Amino acid sequence: LVTVLVRAREDRDAARERDYLQARIADETRLRQVYHDLKNHLLLLGQGEGGAAQAMAADLRRQIEGMEDYLHTGNTALDVILRDKACLAREKQIDFNAVVHFQDGGFIAPLDLSSIFGNALDNAIEASEKLPPEARLITVKAAARGGMLVISVENNMAPGPLAARTSKDDAFLHGLGLASIRRAVNDYGGSVSVRAEEGVFRLHIMIPIP
C-alpha cells in the first residue's frame, strides 16, 4: 500500500512538474528575446548624445547582468530550473554559486533534469535555512569530463550526524528526494554518491554521455 501511495504521489508530482516546466520554458524563450532586444536598445542608447543617456544605459546594463548569469548552461530546461532555485536562494539570504556547462546534456529529459537538480537544490536550500545567514552557501558545478557528465552540489550544514538533526518526517521527505535523484540518474546508467563531513554536504553524480 505504501508503495502504491508513493508511486501515485510521484505521478501527480511529475504531472505538475511537466506543466510547470513547459510554462517556464515558454517564459524563458520570451525572456531571451526581450533580453536580446534590450541589449540592442541599450547599445543605441549608449551611443546617444549627452551624459544622461549614457549613464542610463550603463545603469540598465548593470541591472540585467545578473539575468545573463543564469541563461547560458547550454540547456534551456536547466536554465529555467537554476534560475528558479537561484532566486529562491537569494530570497532566503543564501549565497548561490553555479558554474554549469551542460551543452552535452541534451539527451536528459527535462523532467529528469528537474528530478536531479530540483531535488538536490531543494534539499540544499532547506539545509541552508537552518544556518545563520553568513554561513549559508550552495555551490553547483556541472560539466562534461572524460565522456561523463559530472554534477556536484555542495551546501554548508550544521555540524554533527545527519540523523541527530533530522526528524522522521524530514528523513522521509529527503529520502523521497534522494530516491528520485537516484532513479533519474539510474535511468541513464549513472551513479550517485553522497557525503556529509566537516560541515559540508556533498552530492556527486556521474552520467555517461551516449
C-alpha atoms as a PDB file:
ATOM      1  CA  LEU A   1       0.000   0.000   0.000  1.00  0.00           C
ATOM      2  CA  VAL A   2       2.826   2.406   0.886  1.00  0.00           C
ATOM      3  CA  THR A   3       4.494   1.694  -2.469  1.00  0.00           C
ATOM      4  CA  VAL A   4       1.238   2.394  -4.331  1.00  0.00           C
ATOM      5  CA  LEU A   5       0.700   5.670  -2.443  1.00  0.00           C
ATOM      6  CA  VAL A   6       4.265   6.815  -3.060  1.00  0.00           C
ATOM      7  CA  ARG A   7       4.012   5.975  -6.768  1.00  0.00           C
ATOM      8  CA  ALA A   8       0.681   7.840  -7.043  1.00  0.00           C
ATOM      9  CA  ARG A   9       2.242  10.852  -5.383  1.00  0.00           C
ATOM     10  CA  GLU A  10       5.217  10.691  -7.738  1.00  0.00           C
ATOM     11  CA  ASP A  11       2.877  10.548 -10.754  1.00  0.00           C
ATOM     12  CA  ARG A  12       0.978  13.632  -9.547  1.00  0.00           C
ATOM     13  CA  ASP A  13       4.213  15.466  -8.840  1.00  0.00           C
ATOM     14  CA  ALA A  14       5.561  14.536 -12.290  1.00  0.00           C
ATOM     15  CA  ALA A  15       2.418  15.887 -13.996  1.00  0.00           C
ATOM     16  CA  ARG A  16       2.641  19.161 -12.075  1.00  0.00           C
ATOM     17  CA  GLU A  17       6.353  19.430 -12.786  1.00  0.00           C
ATOM     18  CA  ARG A  18       5.773  18.809 -16.516  1.00  0.00           C
ATOM     19  CA  ASP A  19       3.195  21.612 -16.695  1.00  0.00           C
ATOM     20  CA  TYR A  20       5.438  23.914 -14.665  1.00  0.00           C
ATOM     21  CA  LEU A  21       8.480  23.296 -16.845  1.00  0.00           C
ATOM     22  CA  GLN A  22       6.566  23.791 -20.075  1.00  0.00           C
ATOM     23  CA  ALA A  23       5.254  27.141 -18.849  1.00  0.00           C
ATOM     24  CA  ARG A  24       8.634  28.271 -17.549  1.00  0.00           C
ATOM     25  CA  ILE A  25      10.456  27.224 -20.740  1.00  0.00           C
ATOM     26  CA  ALA A  26       7.976  29.324 -22.725  1.00  0.00           C
ATOM     27  CA  ASP A  27       8.683  32.230 -20.343  1.00  0.00           C
ATOM     28  CA  GLU A  28      12.416  31.659 -20.754  1.00  0.00           C
ATOM     29  CA  THR A  29      12.117  31.837 -24.555  1.00  0.00           C
ATOM     30  CA  ARG A  30      10.243  35.127 -24.333  1.00  0.00           C
ATOM     31  CA  LEU A  31      12.762  36.446 -21.799  1.00  0.00           C
ATOM     32  CA  ARG A  32      15.685  35.585 -24.084  1.00  0.00           C
ATOM     33  CA  GLN A  33      14.080  37.609 -26.876  1.00  0.00           C
ATOM     34  CA  VAL A  34      13.395  40.561 -24.596  1.00  0.00           C
ATOM     35  CA  TYR A  35      16.952  40.387 -23.261  1.00  0.00           C
ATOM     36  CA  HIS A  36      18.390  40.277 -26.787  1.00  0.00           C
ATOM     37  CA  ASP A  37      16.309  43.245 -27.905  1.00  0.00           C
ATOM     38  CA  LEU A  38      17.089  45.181 -24.731  1.00  0.00           C
ATOM     39  CA  LYS A  39      20.841  44.800 -25.239  1.00  0.00           C
ATOM     40  CA  ASN A  40      20.462  46.217 -28.749  1.00  0.00           C
ATOM     41  CA  HIS A  41      18.375  49.113 -27.450  1.00  0.00           C
ATOM     42  CA  LEU A  42      20.982  49.831 -24.778  1.00  0.00           C
ATOM     43  CA  LEU A  43      23.703  49.871 -27.405  1.00  0.00           C
ATOM     44  CA  LEU A  44      21.857  52.595 -29.319  1.00  0.00           C
ATOM     45  CA  LEU A  45      21.039  54.478 -26.134  1.00  0.00           C
ATOM     46  CA  GLY A  46      24.670  54.396 -25.017  1.00  0.00           C
ATOM     47  CA  GLN A  47      25.741  55.954 -28.312  1.00  0.00           C
ATOM     48  CA  GLY A  48      23.339  58.844 -27.909  1.00  0.00           C
ATOM     49  CA  GLU A  49      24.431  62.330 -27.113  1.00  0.00           C
ATOM     50  CA  GLY A  50      24.505  63.554 -23.563  1.00  0.00           C
ATOM     51  CA  GLY A  51      25.814  62.083 -20.357  1.00  0.00           C
ATOM     52  CA  ALA A  52      22.323  61.323 -19.013  1.00  0.00           C
ATOM     53  CA  ALA A  53      21.529  58.843 -21.814  1.00  0.00           C
ATOM     54  CA  GLN A  54      24.884  57.105 -21.439  1.00  0.00           C
ATOM     55  CA  ALA A  55      24.515  56.921 -17.657  1.00  0.00           C
ATOM     56  CA  MET A  56      21.030  55.442 -18.036  1.00  0.00           C
ATOM     57  CA  ALA A  57      22.334  52.821 -20.471  1.00  0.00           C
ATOM     58  CA  ALA A  58      25.181  51.878 -18.105  1.00  0.00           C
ATOM     59  CA  ASP A  59      22.769  51.573 -15.174  1.00  0.00           C
ATOM     60  CA  LEU A  60      20.379  49.347 -17.146  1.00  0.00           C
ATOM     61  CA  ARG A  61      23.263  47.145 -18.278  1.00  0.00           C
ATOM     62  CA  ARG A  62      24.290  46.623 -14.650  1.00  0.00           C
ATOM     63  CA  GLN A  63      20.731  45.671 -13.732  1.00  0.00           C
ATOM     64  CA  ILE A  64      20.460  42.955 -16.386  1.00  0.00           C
ATOM     65  CA  GLU A  65      23.918  41.473 -15.822  1.00  0.00           C
ATOM     66  CA  GLY A  66      22.567  39.164 -13.124  1.00  0.00           C
ATOM     67  CA  MET A  67      19.950  37.867 -15.550  1.00  0.00           C
ATOM     68  CA  GLU A  68      22.607  36.860 -18.051  1.00  0.00           C
ATOM     69  CA  ASP A  69      24.498  34.791 -15.480  1.00  0.00           C
ATOM     70  CA  TYR A  70      21.765  32.140 -15.382  1.00  0.00           C
ATOM     71  CA  LEU A  71      20.830  31.978 -19.052  1.00  0.00           C
ATOM     72  CA  HIS A  72      23.627  30.026 -20.632  1.00  0.00           C
ATOM     73  CA  THR A  73      24.116  26.486 -19.304  1.00  0.00           C
ATOM     74  CA  GLY A  74      23.557  25.156 -22.819  1.00  0.00           C
ATOM     75  CA  ASN A  75      20.226  23.605 -21.841  1.00  0.00           C
ATOM     76  CA  THR A  76      17.025  25.680 -21.757  1.00  0.00           C
ATOM     77  CA  ALA A  77      15.202  23.490 -19.219  1.00  0.00           C
ATOM     78  CA  LEU A  78      18.191  23.593 -16.885  1.00  0.00           C
ATOM     79  CA  ASP A  79      18.420  27.377 -17.310  1.00  0.00           C
ATOM     80  CA  VAL A  80      14.849  27.587 -16.011  1.00  0.00           C
ATOM     81  CA  ILE A  81      15.482  25.273 -13.053  1.00  0.00           C
ATOM     82  CA  LEU A  82      18.687  27.005 -11.943  1.00  0.00           C
ATOM     83  CA  ARG A  83      17.227  30.490 -12.328  1.00  0.00           C
ATOM     84  CA  ASP A  84      14.213  29.487 -10.232  1.00  0.00           C
ATOM     85  CA  LYS A  85      16.324  27.947  -7.448  1.00  0.00           C
ATOM     86  CA  ALA A  86      18.832  30.814  -7.518  1.00  0.00           C
ATOM     87  CA  CYS A  87      16.013  33.322  -6.997  1.00  0.00           C
ATOM     88  CA  LEU A  88      14.647  31.240  -4.110  1.00  0.00           C
ATOM     89  CA  ALA A  89      18.111  31.037  -2.553  1.00  0.00           C
ATOM     90  CA  ARG A  90      18.584  34.807  -2.778  1.00  0.00           C
ATOM     91  CA  GLU A  91      15.221  35.358  -1.106  1.00  0.00           C
ATOM     92  CA  LYS A  92      16.446  33.213   1.779  1.00  0.00           C
ATOM     93  CA  GLN A  93      19.813  35.017   2.024  1.00  0.00           C
ATOM     94  CA  ILE A  94      21.763  32.050   0.676  1.00  0.00           C
ATOM     95  CA  ASP A  95      24.949  32.606  -1.334  1.00  0.00           C
ATOM     96  CA  PHE A  96      24.280  30.642  -4.533  1.00  0.00           C
ATOM     97  CA  ASN A  97      27.134  29.883  -6.956  1.00  0.00           C
ATOM     98  CA  ALA A  98      26.640  27.954 -10.196  1.00  0.00           C
ATOM     99  CA  VAL A  99      29.245  27.021 -12.797  1.00  0.00           C
ATOM    100  CA  VAL A 100      27.340  24.796 -15.207  1.00  0.00           C
ATOM    101  CA  HIS A 101      28.245  23.816 -18.778  1.00  0.00           C
ATOM    102  CA  PHE A 102      25.542  21.434 -19.956  1.00  0.00           C
ATOM    103  CA  GLN A 103      25.731  21.523 -23.741  1.00  0.00           C
ATOM    104  CA  ASP A 104      26.317  17.759 -23.747  1.00  0.00           C
ATOM    105  CA  GLY A 105      23.291  17.049 -21.546  1.00  0.00           C
ATOM    106  CA  GLY A 106      20.606  17.335 -24.207  1.00  0.00           C
ATOM    107  CA  PHE A 107      19.907  13.601 -24.025  1.00  0.00           C
ATOM    108  CA  ILE A 108      18.480  14.001 -20.497  1.00  0.00           C
ATOM    109  CA  ALA A 109      14.718  14.648 -20.457  1.00  0.00           C
ATOM    110  CA  PRO A 110      13.606  17.943 -18.849  1.00  0.00           C
ATOM    111  CA  LEU A 111      11.617  16.122 -16.155  1.00  0.00           C
ATOM    112  CA  ASP A 112      14.685  14.090 -15.237  1.00  0.00           C
ATOM    113  CA  LEU A 113      16.738  17.279 -15.035  1.00  0.00           C
ATOM    114  CA  SER A 114      14.086  18.616 -12.686  1.00  0.00           C
ATOM    115  CA  SER A 115      14.251  15.467 -10.560  1.00  0.00           C
ATOM    116  CA  ILE A 116      18.036  15.671 -10.335  1.00  0.00           C
ATOM    117  CA  PHE A 117      18.729  19.385  -9.939  1.00  0.00           C
ATOM    118  CA  GLY A 118      15.384  20.376  -8.417  1.00  0.00           C
ATOM    119  CA  ASN A 119      15.502  17.847  -5.581  1.00  0.00           C
ATOM    120  CA  ALA A 120      19.207  18.401  -4.942  1.00  0.00           C
ATOM    121  CA  LEU A 121      18.788  22.165  -4.679  1.00  0.00           C
ATOM    122  CA  ASP A 122      15.576  21.989  -2.647  1.00  0.00           C
ATOM    123  CA  ASN A 123      17.395  19.858  -0.068  1.00  0.00           C
ATOM    124  CA  ALA A 124      20.408  22.191  -0.125  1.00  0.00           C
ATOM    125  CA  ILE A 125      18.211  25.254   0.382  1.00  0.00           C
ATOM    126  CA  GLU A 126      16.324  23.584   3.243  1.00  0.00           C
ATOM    127  CA  ALA A 127      19.586  22.655   4.972  1.00  0.00           C
ATOM    128  CA  SER A 128      20.994  26.160   4.443  1.00  0.00           C
ATOM    129  CA  GLU A 129      17.987  27.813   6.074  1.00  0.00           C
ATOM    130  CA  LYS A 130      18.937  26.174   9.376  1.00  0.00           C
ATOM    131  CA  LEU A 131      22.255  28.060   9.419  1.00  0.00           C
ATOM    132  CA  PRO A 132      22.982  31.714  10.238  1.00  0.00           C
ATOM    133  CA  PRO A 133      22.909  33.866   7.078  1.00  0.00           C
ATOM    134  CA  GLU A 134      26.682  34.326   6.939  1.00  0.00           C
ATOM    135  CA  ALA A 135      27.189  30.529   6.753  1.00  0.00           C
ATOM    136  CA  ARG A 136      24.632  29.829   4.016  1.00  0.00           C
ATOM    137  CA  LEU A 137      26.355  28.663   0.846  1.00  0.00           C
ATOM    138  CA  ILE A 138      25.365  26.436  -2.080  1.00  0.00           C
ATOM    139  CA  THR A 139      27.725  25.566  -4.928  1.00  0.00           C
ATOM    140  CA  VAL A 140      26.600  23.815  -8.110  1.00  0.00           C
ATOM    141  CA  LYS A 141      29.019  22.567 -10.743  1.00  0.00           C
ATOM    142  CA  ALA A 142      28.378  20.511 -13.862  1.00  0.00           C
ATOM    143  CA  ALA A 143      30.398  19.791 -16.980  1.00  0.00           C
ATOM    144  CA  ALA A 144      31.407  17.032 -19.389  1.00  0.00           C
ATOM    145  CA  ARG A 145      34.595  15.258 -18.412  1.00  0.00           C
ATOM    146  CA  GLY A 146      36.068  12.105 -19.913  1.00  0.00           C
ATOM    147  CA  GLY A 147      32.849  11.030 -21.613  1.00  0.00           C
ATOM    148  CA  MET A 148      30.800  11.638 -18.452  1.00  0.00           C
ATOM    149  CA  LEU A 149      28.527  14.394 -17.240  1.00  0.00           C
ATOM    150  CA  VAL A 150      29.818  15.230 -13.774  1.00  0.00           C
ATOM    151  CA  ILE A 151      27.446  17.073 -11.439  1.00  0.00           C
ATOM    152  CA  SER A 152      28.174  18.209  -7.909  1.00  0.00           C
ATOM    153  CA  VAL A 153      26.002  20.065  -5.424  1.00  0.00           C
ATOM    154  CA  GLU A 154      27.508  21.175  -2.121  1.00  0.00           C
ATOM    155  CA  ASN A 155      25.987  23.061   0.786  1.00  0.00           C
ATOM    156  CA  ASN A 156      27.062  24.015   4.264  1.00  0.00           C
ATOM    157  CA  MET A 157      25.189  22.285   7.061  1.00  0.00           C
ATOM    158  CA  ALA A 158      25.057  22.279  10.819  1.00  0.00           C
ATOM    159  CA  PRO A 159      27.805  20.064  12.313  1.00  0.00           C
ATOM    160  CA  GLY A 160      27.036  16.624  13.692  1.00  0.00           C
ATOM    161  CA  PRO A 161      25.436  13.413  12.382  1.00  0.00           C
ATOM    162  CA  LEU A 162      22.544  13.929   9.997  1.00  0.00           C
ATOM    163  CA  ALA A 163      20.352  11.511  11.937  1.00  0.00           C
ATOM    164  CA  ALA A 164      20.728  13.603  15.084  1.00  0.00           C
ATOM    165  CA  ARG A 165      19.303  16.695  13.395  1.00  0.00           C
ATOM    166  CA  THR A 166      16.623  15.196  11.154  1.00  0.00           C
ATOM    167  CA  SER A 167      13.077  14.302  12.178  1.00  0.00           C
ATOM    168  CA  LYS A 168      11.406  11.166  10.856  1.00  0.00           C
ATOM    169  CA  ASP A 169       9.172  13.267   8.607  1.00  0.00           C
ATOM    170  CA  ASP A 170      12.180  15.175   7.257  1.00  0.00           C
ATOM    171  CA  ALA A 171      14.061  11.931   6.716  1.00  0.00           C
ATOM    172  CA  PHE A 172      11.107  10.525   4.747  1.00  0.00           C
ATOM    173  CA  LEU A 173      10.887  13.602   2.517  1.00  0.00           C
ATOM    174  CA  HIS A 174      14.633  13.744   1.980  1.00  0.00           C
ATOM    175  CA  GLY A 175      14.588  10.029   1.270  1.00  0.00           C
ATOM    176  CA  LEU A 176      11.995  10.572  -1.452  1.00  0.00           C
ATOM    177  CA  GLY A 177      14.046  13.408  -2.931  1.00  0.00           C
ATOM    178  CA  LEU A 178      17.250  11.381  -2.989  1.00  0.00           C
ATOM    179  CA  ALA A 179      15.352   8.353  -4.297  1.00  0.00           C
ATOM    180  CA  SER A 180      14.005  10.460  -7.174  1.00  0.00           C
ATOM    181  CA  ILE A 181      17.530  11.634  -7.961  1.00  0.00           C
ATOM    182  CA  ARG A 182      18.878   8.085  -7.925  1.00  0.00           C
ATOM    183  CA  ARG A 183      16.013   6.803 -10.067  1.00  0.00           C
ATOM    184  CA  ALA A 184      16.520   9.500 -12.708  1.00  0.00           C
ATOM    185  CA  VAL A 185      20.300   9.016 -12.761  1.00  0.00           C
ATOM    186  CA  ASN A 186      19.972   5.217 -12.898  1.00  0.00           C
ATOM    187  CA  ASP A 187      17.791   5.514 -15.986  1.00  0.00           C
ATOM    188  CA  TYR A 188      20.849   6.893 -17.796  1.00  0.00           C
ATOM    189  CA  GLY A 189      23.286   4.356 -16.367  1.00  0.00           C
ATOM    190  CA  GLY A 190      24.799   6.851 -13.948  1.00  0.00           C
ATOM    191  CA  SER A 191      25.840   6.787 -10.316  1.00  0.00           C
ATOM    192  CA  VAL A 192      25.095   8.881  -7.236  1.00  0.00           C
ATOM    193  CA  SER A 193      27.178   9.328  -4.104  1.00  0.00           C
ATOM    194  CA  VAL A 194      26.653  11.490  -1.016  1.00  0.00           C
ATOM    195  CA  ARG A 195      28.975  12.554   1.776  1.00  0.00           C
ATOM    196  CA  ALA A 196      28.430  14.675   4.855  1.00  0.00           C
ATOM    197  CA  GLU A 197      31.584  15.758   6.640  1.00  0.00           C
ATOM    198  CA  GLU A 198      33.217  18.804   8.199  1.00  0.00           C
ATOM    199  CA  GLY A 199      30.038  20.850   7.963  1.00  0.00           C
ATOM    200  CA  VAL A 200      29.539  20.272   4.228  1.00  0.00           C
ATOM    201  CA  PHE A 201      27.034  18.021   2.464  1.00  0.00           C
ATOM    202  CA  ARG A 202      28.224  16.851  -0.960  1.00  0.00           C
ATOM    203  CA  LEU A 203      26.153  15.221  -3.697  1.00  0.00           C
ATOM    204  CA  HIS A 204      28.191  13.808  -6.594  1.00  0.00           C
ATOM    205  CA  ILE A 205      26.628  12.464  -9.796  1.00  0.00           C
ATOM    206  CA  MET A 206      28.192  10.905 -12.878  1.00  0.00           C
ATOM    207  CA  ILE A 207      26.200  10.128 -16.035  1.00  0.00           C
ATOM    208  CA  PRO A 208      27.754   8.572 -19.165  1.00  0.00           C
ATOM    209  CA  ILE A 209      27.274  10.611 -22.331  1.00  0.00           C
ATOM    210  CA  PRO A 210      25.824   8.402 -25.100  1.00  0.00           C
END
